[in-house]
Protein backbone atom coordinates (compact mmCIF):
# COMPACT_ATOMS: atom_id res chain seq x y z
CA MET A 1 26.02 15.61 89.17
CA ARG A 2 28.83 17.48 87.02
CA VAL A 3 32.17 18.65 88.61
CA LEU A 4 33.43 20.97 86.04
CA SER A 5 36.10 23.61 85.87
CA THR A 6 37.99 25.59 82.82
CA LEU A 7 41.51 24.03 81.17
CA HIS A 8 42.06 27.93 81.27
CA ASP A 9 43.07 27.85 85.08
CA SER A 10 44.66 24.25 84.82
CA SER A 11 42.14 23.00 87.00
CA ALA A 12 41.06 19.01 86.34
CA ILE A 13 38.31 18.21 84.63
CA MET A 14 36.02 15.74 85.87
CA LEU A 15 32.12 14.60 85.75
CA THR A 16 29.89 11.73 85.27
CA THR A 17 27.83 10.61 82.59
CA ARG A 18 24.83 8.41 82.46
CA ASN A 19 26.34 6.67 80.23
CA HIS A 20 28.42 3.53 81.35
CA PRO A 21 30.56 2.11 78.23
CA GLN A 22 31.45 -1.23 78.03
CA LEU A 23 35.17 -0.52 77.90
CA ASP A 24 36.77 2.79 79.31
CA THR A 25 36.79 4.94 76.61
CA VAL A 26 39.15 7.55 75.57
CA LEU A 27 37.65 10.75 73.52
CA TYR A 28 40.50 12.72 71.37
CA ASP A 29 40.35 15.44 68.53
CA GLY A 30 39.89 12.56 65.86
CA LYS A 31 41.29 15.79 63.54
CA CYS A 32 44.76 16.67 65.41
CA ARG A 33 47.51 15.19 63.93
CA PHE A 34 49.38 14.95 67.20
CA CYS A 35 46.41 14.01 68.92
CA ARG A 36 46.49 10.73 66.54
CA SER A 37 49.41 9.95 66.68
CA GLN A 38 49.81 10.12 70.42
CA ILE A 39 46.22 8.01 70.35
CA ALA A 40 48.27 5.34 67.76
CA ILE A 41 51.21 4.68 70.58
CA LEU A 42 48.24 4.13 73.39
CA ARG A 43 46.22 1.61 71.30
CA ARG A 44 50.11 -0.31 70.94
CA LEU A 45 50.12 0.26 74.66
CA ASP A 46 47.09 -1.33 75.29
CA LEU A 47 47.92 -4.92 75.31
CA MET A 48 44.74 -6.01 76.87
CA GLY A 49 42.18 -4.27 74.32
CA ARG A 50 40.90 -2.54 78.10
CA PHE A 51 40.20 1.00 76.33
CA LEU A 52 37.97 2.26 73.15
CA PHE A 53 39.33 5.03 71.41
CA THR A 54 36.93 7.23 70.00
CA SER A 55 37.58 10.47 68.28
CA LEU A 56 35.12 13.17 69.31
CA HIS A 57 33.94 14.12 66.10
CA GLU A 58 31.90 10.54 65.57
CA ALA A 59 28.52 11.07 66.68
CA SER A 60 27.54 8.34 68.78
CA VAL A 61 29.81 10.79 71.20
CA ALA A 62 27.42 13.16 71.55
CA GLN A 63 25.21 10.82 72.17
CA ASP A 64 26.73 8.63 74.59
CA PHE A 65 28.24 10.92 76.42
CA PRO A 66 25.95 14.76 76.41
CA GLU A 67 27.05 15.50 79.49
CA VAL A 68 30.83 16.22 78.38
CA PRO A 69 30.60 19.57 76.46
CA TYR A 70 32.18 19.89 73.17
CA ASP A 71 34.65 22.69 73.80
CA ASP A 72 35.85 21.26 76.92
CA LEU A 73 36.28 17.73 74.61
CA MET A 74 38.14 20.05 72.25
CA SER A 75 40.51 21.61 74.97
CA GLN A 76 41.57 17.98 75.94
CA MET A 77 41.68 14.26 76.10
CA PHE A 78 38.93 12.27 78.62
CA ILE A 79 38.52 8.72 79.54
CA VAL A 80 34.90 7.76 80.65
CA ASP A 81 35.52 4.97 82.21
CA ARG A 82 32.40 1.62 82.66
CA SER A 83 31.48 3.40 85.73
CA GLY A 84 30.59 6.94 84.04
CA ARG A 85 33.34 9.09 85.52
CA ALA A 86 35.13 11.03 83.48
CA ARG A 87 38.15 12.71 83.38
CA GLY A 88 39.88 15.30 81.60
CA GLY A 89 43.59 16.43 80.87
CA ALA A 90 45.94 15.60 82.87
CA GLU A 91 44.11 13.41 85.13
CA ALA A 92 42.89 11.44 82.22
CA VAL A 93 46.53 10.42 81.92
CA ARG A 94 47.13 9.68 85.71
CA TYR A 95 44.32 7.05 85.01
CA LEU A 96 45.99 5.80 81.57
CA SER A 97 48.82 5.47 83.95
CA ARG A 98 47.61 3.51 85.93
CA LYS A 99 45.52 1.07 83.93
CA LEU A 100 48.18 0.50 81.32
CA PRO A 101 50.95 -1.69 82.66
CA LEU A 102 53.79 -0.88 80.77
CA LEU A 103 53.03 2.91 81.71
CA TRP A 104 53.86 2.30 85.17
CA PRO A 105 56.90 3.58 85.53
CA LEU A 106 55.66 7.04 84.33
CA ALA A 107 52.46 6.88 86.72
CA ILE A 108 55.06 7.07 89.86
CA CYS A 109 56.40 10.03 88.57
CA LEU A 110 52.45 11.32 87.68
CA HIS A 111 51.34 10.46 91.03
CA ILE A 112 53.87 12.41 93.63
CA PRO A 113 52.12 13.82 96.15
CA GLY A 114 51.36 17.56 95.25
CA THR A 115 52.52 17.71 91.14
CA LEU A 116 48.80 17.47 90.08
CA PRO A 117 48.79 21.29 88.96
CA LEU A 118 52.24 21.04 87.59
CA TRP A 119 50.92 18.03 85.21
CA GLN A 120 47.57 20.01 84.57
CA HIS A 121 49.50 23.10 83.34
CA LEU A 122 52.19 21.29 81.63
CA TYR A 123 49.26 19.58 79.66
CA ALA A 124 47.35 22.39 78.94
CA VAL A 125 50.56 24.39 77.51
CA ILE A 126 51.22 21.02 75.26
CA ALA A 127 47.31 20.90 74.62
CA ARG A 128 46.81 24.65 73.49
CA ASN A 129 49.56 24.20 70.85
CA ARG A 130 49.01 21.12 69.78
CA MET A 131 48.22 22.26 66.19
CA THR A 132 51.31 23.88 65.96
CA ILE A 133 53.02 21.16 67.39
CA ALA A 134 51.75 18.22 64.32
CA GLY A 135 50.01 20.56 62.45
CA LYS A 136 46.27 19.48 61.11
CA TYR A 137 45.75 15.57 60.23
CA PHE A 138 44.88 16.10 56.66
CA GLU A 139 44.46 19.30 54.48
CA GLY A 140 41.36 21.01 55.12
CA SER A 141 40.32 18.72 57.73
CA CYS A 142 39.91 22.01 59.71
CA ASP A 143 38.50 24.38 57.33
CA ASP A 144 35.18 24.70 58.77
CA GLY A 145 36.48 25.64 62.15
CA THR A 146 35.64 22.55 64.22
CA CYS A 147 39.65 22.36 65.55
CA ARG A 148 39.83 26.10 66.64
CA LEU A 149 40.31 25.94 70.49
CA PRO A 150 38.05 27.76 72.33
CA LYS A 151 39.57 30.92 73.91
């Protein structure tokens, strides 16, 4: 079953995949300097090795998670948990804040009742401007248009 809405209206994106990965899997834009820097931080915070971090540009992503549309992957980070439930954007950040002990202080703020629309909006603004914030990961990595965000 797929429950999906666009990032443009700041709604949460959640869906269910057929594949149930052995580890919670973080799908991110590996050609984005900002995204890679955030993933590097998350790798350091993942002291227990609970997450697998995979660039959306790896062929395995399309094979393992065909239910997650490419344009949605380009719009925001996704986490597919071991039961196959995929969360995008602010929902993914909230999930990380519950699963990584060093982020538990952040979880308190992210889970204040009624604040999810604020976090979704903030996530959407950052996601739309991520290439402006930090640029491409390496020169020529986006010349083919793969880093262009959907309109």
